[in-house]
Amino acid sequence: MPIYTFKCPSCKQTSDITQSMKAPVPVCSRCAEASCGVHIVEMERVWKKIGKPQFKGSGFYETDYKYKEKEG
């Protein structure tokens, strides 16, 4: 199962949680214990900006075949 990062909108605490895509949104344990209905206890998913992977070395389409000119 994938690991997702969630952030609590009330206390700004982040946590990495392993769960399926169809699982319900996790609840912040700190806010759930401390609140009387004032805090938002459901955490929000954080979308990370991840760049394109860089393939180095031989054996990859990106490095070996993509820019090779046709012979003949």
Protein backbone atom coordinates (compact mmCIF):
# COMPACT_ATOMS: atom_id res chain seq x y z
CA MET A 1 0.00 0.00 0.00
CA PRO A 2 1.22 3.53 -0.67
CA ILE A 3 2.32 6.02 1.95
CA TYR A 4 0.46 9.33 2.01
CA THR A 5 1.31 12.51 3.90
CA PHE A 6 -1.53 14.18 5.78
CA LYS A 7 -1.59 17.52 7.61
CA CYS A 8 -4.01 18.66 10.28
CA PRO A 9 -5.53 22.05 9.37
CA SER A 10 -5.95 22.99 13.05
CA CYS A 11 -2.65 22.09 14.72
CA LYS A 12 -0.49 21.84 11.53
CA GLN A 13 0.89 18.43 12.56
CA THR A 14 1.95 16.22 9.64
CA SER A 15 2.12 12.45 9.56
CA ASP A 16 2.89 9.78 6.97
CA ILE A 17 0.18 7.13 6.87
CA THR A 18 0.09 3.85 4.97
CA GLN A 19 -3.40 3.30 3.61
CA SER A 20 -5.32 2.35 0.50
CA MET A 21 -6.77 4.98 -1.82
CA LYS A 22 -10.33 4.15 -0.82
CA ALA A 23 -9.69 4.36 2.94
CA PRO A 24 -11.45 7.15 4.84
CA VAL A 25 -9.58 10.35 5.70
CA PRO A 26 -7.57 9.89 8.92
CA VAL A 27 -8.40 11.84 12.06
CA CYS A 28 -5.80 13.89 13.97
CA SER A 29 -5.43 12.14 17.31
CA ARG A 30 -4.16 15.26 19.09
CA CYS A 31 -7.14 17.41 18.02
CA ALA A 32 -9.69 14.63 18.56
CA GLU A 33 -8.67 14.29 22.21
CA ALA A 34 -8.32 18.01 22.91
CA SER A 35 -11.31 19.46 21.08
CA CYS A 36 -14.88 19.97 22.10
CA GLY A 37 -16.01 20.29 18.51
CA VAL A 38 -13.98 23.47 17.93
CA HIS A 39 -11.09 22.02 15.90
CA ILE A 40 -11.27 20.30 12.55
CA VAL A 41 -10.20 16.73 13.30
CA GLU A 42 -10.06 15.37 9.74
CA MET A 43 -6.62 15.70 8.19
CA GLU A 44 -5.95 17.00 4.67
CA ARG A 45 -3.79 15.20 2.16
CA VAL A 46 -0.55 16.95 1.21
CA TRP A 47 0.40 16.69 -2.46
CA LYS A 48 4.16 16.65 -2.87
CA LYS A 49 5.83 18.15 -5.90
CA ILE A 50 8.10 15.46 -7.20
CA GLY A 51 10.25 16.00 -10.26
CA LYS A 52 10.79 13.69 -13.15
CA PRO A 53 13.18 10.81 -12.36
CA GLN A 54 16.62 11.08 -13.91
CA PHE A 55 17.96 7.93 -15.50
CA LYS A 56 21.74 7.77 -15.63
CA GLY A 57 23.77 5.10 -17.32
CA SER A 58 23.03 2.80 -20.20
CA GLY A 59 19.98 0.67 -20.78
CA PHE A 60 17.27 3.32 -20.54
CA TYR A 61 15.17 4.79 -23.34
CA GLU A 62 15.95 8.31 -22.10
CA THR A 63 19.72 7.88 -22.39
CA ASP A 64 20.20 5.39 -25.22
CA TYR A 65 17.44 5.57 -27.81
CA LYS A 66 15.47 8.79 -27.51
CA TYR A 67 17.87 11.17 -29.29
CA LYS A 68 19.74 8.73 -31.49
CA GLU A 69 19.75 9.81 -35.14
CA LYS A 70 18.73 7.40 -37.86
CA GLU A 71 21.53 5.89 -39.90
CA GLY A 72 21.39 5.82 -43.64
